[in-house]
Protein backbone atom coordinates (compact mmCIF):
# COMPACT_ATOMS: atom_id res chain seq x y z
CA MET A 1 55.05 14.73 171.88
CA LEU A 2 55.54 15.06 168.16
CA LYS A 3 54.69 18.33 166.57
CA ALA A 4 53.33 18.37 163.06
CA LYS A 5 55.32 20.46 160.64
CA ARG A 6 53.40 23.11 158.83
CA VAL A 7 53.81 23.01 155.11
CA LYS A 8 54.44 26.48 153.76
CA LYS A 9 52.21 27.21 150.83
CA ASN A 10 53.86 28.90 147.85
CA THR A 11 51.83 31.86 146.73
CA LEU A 12 52.17 34.07 143.71
CA LEU A 13 52.67 37.17 145.83
CA PRO A 14 54.90 36.31 148.78
CA ASP A 15 54.46 38.03 152.15
CA SER A 16 58.08 39.13 152.25
CA LYS A 17 59.31 42.55 151.18
CA ASP A 18 61.31 41.09 148.28
CA ILE A 19 59.73 42.50 145.11
CA LEU A 20 62.19 40.88 142.69
CA PRO A 21 59.81 38.04 141.65
CA LEU A 22 56.99 40.53 141.13
CA CYS A 23 59.23 42.74 139.00
CA PHE A 24 60.26 39.70 136.95
CA VAL A 25 56.61 38.82 136.24
CA GLY A 26 55.85 42.43 135.31
CA LEU A 27 58.88 42.64 133.03
CA THR A 28 57.94 39.37 131.35
CA ILE A 29 54.38 40.57 130.67
CA PHE A 30 55.66 43.91 129.37
CA SER A 31 58.17 42.17 127.10
CA SER A 32 55.46 39.87 125.75
CA PHE A 33 53.18 42.80 124.88
CA THR A 34 56.10 44.64 123.29
CA PHE A 35 56.96 41.59 121.19
CA LEU A 36 53.35 41.19 120.01
CA PHE A 37 53.15 44.90 119.16
CA LEU A 38 56.41 44.63 117.21
CA LEU A 39 55.04 41.67 115.24
CA PHE A 40 51.89 43.65 114.43
CA LEU A 41 53.91 46.66 113.25
CA SER A 42 56.19 44.45 111.16
CA PHE A 43 53.19 42.87 109.48
CA ARG A 44 51.66 46.27 108.67
CA VAL A 45 54.95 47.68 107.31
CA ASN A 46 55.35 44.58 105.15
CA GLN A 47 51.86 45.09 103.73
CA ILE A 48 52.59 48.72 102.92
CA ALA A 49 55.93 47.86 101.29
CA ALA A 50 54.29 45.17 99.14
CA LYS A 51 52.01 47.65 97.37
CA LYS A 52 52.91 47.92 93.72
CA THR A 53 53.80 51.10 91.84
CA THR A 54 51.13 52.07 89.33
CA PHE A 55 51.72 54.35 86.37
CA VAL A 56 48.86 56.55 85.13
CA GLN A 57 48.77 58.35 81.80
CA LEU A 58 46.86 61.62 81.66
CA VAL A 59 44.86 62.90 78.68
CA ASP A 60 47.67 65.24 77.60
CA GLY A 61 50.15 62.33 77.41
CA ARG A 62 52.02 62.91 80.66
CA SER A 63 52.48 59.94 82.94
CA LEU A 64 52.47 59.97 86.72
CA VAL A 65 53.54 57.46 89.34
CA THR A 66 50.80 56.66 91.84
CA ARG A 67 50.38 54.34 94.80
CA GLU A 68 48.09 51.37 94.80
CA GLN A 69 45.15 51.92 97.14
CA ASP A 70 42.15 49.99 98.31
CA GLU A 71 39.44 49.80 95.66
CA PHE A 72 36.90 51.35 98.03
CA TYR A 73 39.11 54.32 99.01
CA ARG A 74 37.59 57.73 98.32
CA HIS A 75 38.69 61.22 99.28
CA PRO A 76 36.38 62.84 101.86
CA GLU A 77 35.50 65.64 99.43
CA VAL A 78 34.28 63.15 96.83
CA ILE A 79 32.02 61.52 99.40
CA LYS A 80 30.66 64.90 100.54
CA ASP A 81 29.94 66.00 96.96
CA THR A 82 28.24 62.69 96.14
CA VAL A 83 26.02 62.89 99.22
CA ARG A 84 25.21 66.54 98.52
CA GLN A 85 24.23 65.75 94.92
CA TRP A 86 22.18 62.72 95.96
CA LEU A 87 20.31 64.72 98.61
CA SER A 88 19.56 67.57 96.21
CA LEU A 89 18.34 65.17 93.50
CA THR A 90 16.26 63.14 95.95
CA PHE A 91 14.57 65.86 97.98
CA ASP A 92 14.44 68.85 95.62
């Protein structure tokens, strides 16, 4: 009598104790995330390096070198003082 051959199904996680394929998949995923993170960091460093140098002249004639910043950037103290003044003018 003829016996039918069973076709072995290839699975992602084999039943054997060999973990080499699993380590390869893990290393590939880790390398991909590392590469994407490196691209992100490179993009951010390039943006920071592209900021222009701005010279500012004070009232007394001295000039200072400053960094270019976002137009909506404010120091936390300026925001606190503005809110404090607005609250006192509104509710007092």
